């Protein structure tokens, strides 16, 4: 295959919860080490240990799954109409377009629903990804997860109609 395969997207199904919990944990443990301590990573990854609760959270939001070949490699969720709550890609698929495809889709869906802007609480690891997509830092936050304090940044992007400008690659 000469051209890199593009990720496909599909909706979340309840049976996906265990796999997405594993992607969530692997993404945190393997991709965020430059920005967060091991204790912070472990506390953060523990948020998906209860797969039933994790699945309920995903089912309660608009959750999309990115696939490459027949494998699910990432997921993203839209909370309400205007907040990207989760965006995680498995380390083995990082840099292959899954995160961009997921973010593009959430931006288009939100724009089509009349949302004027999207916000995200970006981890320090994800800051540059969102900055390149036109998100602007609004404020720094400290959040506690399972007894550990983690910093993130609330970022916002204005949406112009259904398709945000600059969405082409």
Protein backbone atom coordinates (compact mmCIF):
# COMPACT_ATOMS: atom_id res chain seq x y z
CA UNK A 1 0.00 0.00 0.00
CA UNK A 2 1.76 3.14 -1.16
CA UNK A 3 -0.58 5.68 0.42
CA UNK A 4 -1.06 5.62 4.17
CA UNK A 5 -4.43 4.24 5.16
CA UNK A 6 -6.86 6.85 6.43
CA UNK A 7 -8.63 6.14 9.71
CA UNK A 8 -12.31 5.24 9.48
CA UNK A 9 -14.79 6.41 12.11
CA UNK A 10 -17.74 4.63 13.67
CA UNK A 11 -20.07 5.24 16.62
CA UNK A 12 -19.40 3.85 20.08
CA UNK A 13 -21.11 0.62 21.09
CA UNK A 14 -21.39 -0.64 24.70
CA UNK A 15 -19.22 -3.66 23.86
CA UNK A 16 -16.35 -1.23 23.07
CA UNK A 17 -15.88 -0.14 26.72
CA UNK A 18 -13.11 -2.63 27.67
CA UNK A 19 -11.08 -1.87 24.54
CA UNK A 20 -11.47 1.90 24.92
CA UNK A 21 -10.48 1.65 28.59
CA UNK A 22 -7.29 -0.13 27.44
CA UNK A 23 -6.60 2.54 24.78
CA UNK A 24 -7.18 5.27 27.42
CA UNK A 25 -4.70 3.69 29.86
CA UNK A 26 -2.06 2.87 27.21
CA UNK A 27 -2.24 6.39 25.79
CA UNK A 28 -1.73 7.94 29.22
CA UNK A 29 1.01 5.57 30.37
CA UNK A 30 3.03 5.61 27.14
CA UNK A 31 2.54 9.10 25.68
CA UNK A 32 2.43 11.52 28.63
CA UNK A 33 5.67 10.67 30.46
CA UNK A 34 7.44 13.86 29.39
CA UNK A 35 4.72 15.99 30.99
CA UNK A 36 3.44 14.04 34.00
CA UNK A 37 5.02 11.97 36.77
CA UNK A 38 4.48 8.22 37.02
CA UNK A 39 2.19 8.76 40.03
CA UNK A 40 0.13 11.28 38.05
CA UNK A 41 -0.08 8.93 35.06
CA UNK A 42 -1.22 6.02 37.23
CA UNK A 43 -3.88 8.12 38.98
CA UNK A 44 -5.15 9.42 35.61
CA UNK A 45 -5.22 5.97 34.01
CA UNK A 46 -7.17 4.60 37.00
CA UNK A 47 -10.18 6.65 35.82
CA UNK A 48 -10.95 3.79 33.39
CA UNK A 49 -10.40 0.89 35.81
CA UNK A 50 -14.14 0.50 36.42
CA UNK A 51 -15.09 -0.44 32.85
CA UNK A 52 -18.83 -0.25 33.60
CA UNK A 53 -18.55 3.35 34.83
CA UNK A 54 -16.20 4.23 31.97
CA UNK A 55 -18.66 2.71 29.49
CA UNK A 56 -21.55 4.68 31.00
CA UNK A 57 -19.57 7.91 30.63
CA UNK A 58 -18.83 7.14 26.96
CA UNK A 59 -22.44 6.11 26.28
CA UNK A 60 -23.68 9.38 27.81
CA UNK A 61 -21.69 11.45 25.33
CA UNK A 62 -21.35 11.48 21.56
CA UNK A 63 -18.42 9.06 21.28
CA UNK A 64 -16.67 8.15 18.04
CA UNK A 65 -14.08 5.43 17.49
CA UNK A 66 -11.26 5.60 14.95
CA UNK A 67 -10.20 2.39 13.26
CA UNK A 68 -7.21 1.49 11.10
CA UNK A 69 -7.69 -1.77 9.25
CA UNK A 70 -9.93 -3.78 11.55
CA UNK A 71 -8.46 -2.37 14.74
CA UNK A 72 -9.89 0.33 16.97
CA UNK A 73 -7.00 2.72 17.58
CA UNK A 74 -8.56 5.77 19.26
CA UNK A 75 -11.70 7.50 20.43
CA UNK A 76 -13.08 10.93 21.16
CA UNK A 77 -16.20 12.17 22.91
CA UNK A 78 -18.28 15.32 22.77
CA UNK A 79 -19.85 16.30 26.10
CA UNK A 80 -23.00 18.33 25.63
CA UNK A 81 -22.81 20.45 22.50
CA UNK A 82 -19.54 22.29 22.98
CA UNK A 83 -16.87 20.37 24.90
CA UNK A 84 -14.41 17.75 23.72
CA UNK A 85 -14.25 15.62 26.85
CA UNK A 86 -11.93 12.83 25.75
CA UNK A 87 -9.55 12.30 22.83
CA UNK A 88 -7.17 9.35 23.14
CA UNK A 89 -5.16 7.41 20.56
CA UNK A 90 -3.29 4.16 21.20
CA UNK A 91 0.50 4.73 21.22
CA UNK A 92 0.96 2.25 18.34
CA UNK A 93 -1.23 4.47 16.15
CA UNK A 94 -0.01 7.89 17.31
CA UNK A 95 0.84 10.20 14.43
CA UNK A 96 -1.19 8.25 11.88
CA UNK A 97 -4.12 10.68 11.64
CA UNK A 98 -6.62 9.07 14.03
CA UNK A 99 -6.61 12.01 16.46
CA UNK A 100 -7.03 14.52 13.64
CA UNK A 101 -9.86 12.50 12.05
CA UNK A 102 -11.67 12.27 15.39
CA UNK A 103 -11.23 15.98 16.13
CA UNK A 104 -12.33 16.94 12.59
CA UNK A 105 -15.50 14.88 13.02
CA UNK A 106 -16.39 16.37 16.42
CA UNK A 107 -15.80 19.89 15.09
CA UNK A 108 -18.04 19.22 12.06
CA UNK A 109 -20.79 17.64 14.17
CA UNK A 110 -20.72 20.50 16.70
CA UNK A 111 -20.71 23.09 13.90
CA UNK A 112 -23.61 21.40 12.13
CA UNK A 113 -25.57 21.56 15.38
CA UNK A 114 -25.04 25.31 15.55
CA UNK A 115 -22.32 25.34 18.19
CA UNK A 116 -20.27 28.54 17.87
CA UNK A 117 -17.14 27.30 19.65
CA UNK A 118 -15.64 24.16 21.14
CA UNK A 119 -13.66 23.92 24.35
CA UNK A 120 -11.28 21.25 25.55
CA UNK A 121 -9.29 20.79 28.76
CA UNK A 122 -6.06 19.76 27.03
CA UNK A 123 -3.35 17.85 28.84
CA UNK A 124 0.12 19.34 28.59
CA UNK A 125 0.90 16.50 26.16
CA UNK A 126 -2.02 17.46 23.87
CA UNK A 127 -1.51 21.26 23.97
CA UNK A 128 0.43 21.46 20.72
CA UNK A 129 -2.01 19.15 18.89
CA UNK A 130 -4.92 21.47 19.72
CA UNK A 131 -2.88 24.67 19.17
CA UNK A 132 -2.09 23.55 15.60
CA UNK A 133 -5.82 23.04 15.03
CA UNK A 134 -6.62 26.64 15.97
CA UNK A 135 -7.51 26.22 19.64
CA UNK A 136 -6.47 29.13 21.85
CA UNK A 137 -5.47 28.76 25.50
CA UNK A 138 -7.97 30.36 27.89
CA UNK A 139 -6.76 29.33 31.34
CA UNK A 140 -4.54 26.89 33.23
CA UNK A 141 -6.22 24.44 35.57
CA UNK A 142 -5.16 22.14 38.38
CA UNK A 143 -7.39 19.12 38.80
CA UNK A 144 -7.20 16.29 41.29
CA UNK A 145 -7.63 12.75 40.03
CA UNK A 146 -7.43 9.83 42.45
CA UNK A 147 -5.41 11.91 44.93
CA UNK A 148 -2.92 13.36 42.41
CA UNK A 149 -2.88 16.94 41.12
CA UNK A 150 -2.56 17.34 37.35
CA UNK A 151 -2.35 20.51 35.29
CA UNK A 152 -4.22 21.07 32.06
CA UNK A 153 -5.24 24.03 29.91
CA UNK A 154 -8.74 25.02 28.86
CA UNK A 155 -8.58 25.84 25.16
CA UNK A 156 -11.26 27.16 22.82
CA UNK A 157 -11.79 27.23 19.07
CA UNK A 158 -14.40 29.29 17.24
CA UNK A 159 -16.39 27.30 14.70
CA UNK A 160 -17.57 29.00 11.52
CA UNK A 161 -20.67 27.14 10.41
CA UNK A 162 -20.50 23.43 9.78
CA UNK A 163 -16.92 23.28 8.54
CA UNK A 164 -14.13 25.09 10.33
CA UNK A 165 -11.60 26.79 8.03
CA UNK A 166 -8.20 25.18 7.76
CA UNK A 167 -9.63 21.70 8.13
CA UNK A 168 -7.90 20.56 4.97
CA UNK A 169 -4.60 18.74 5.17
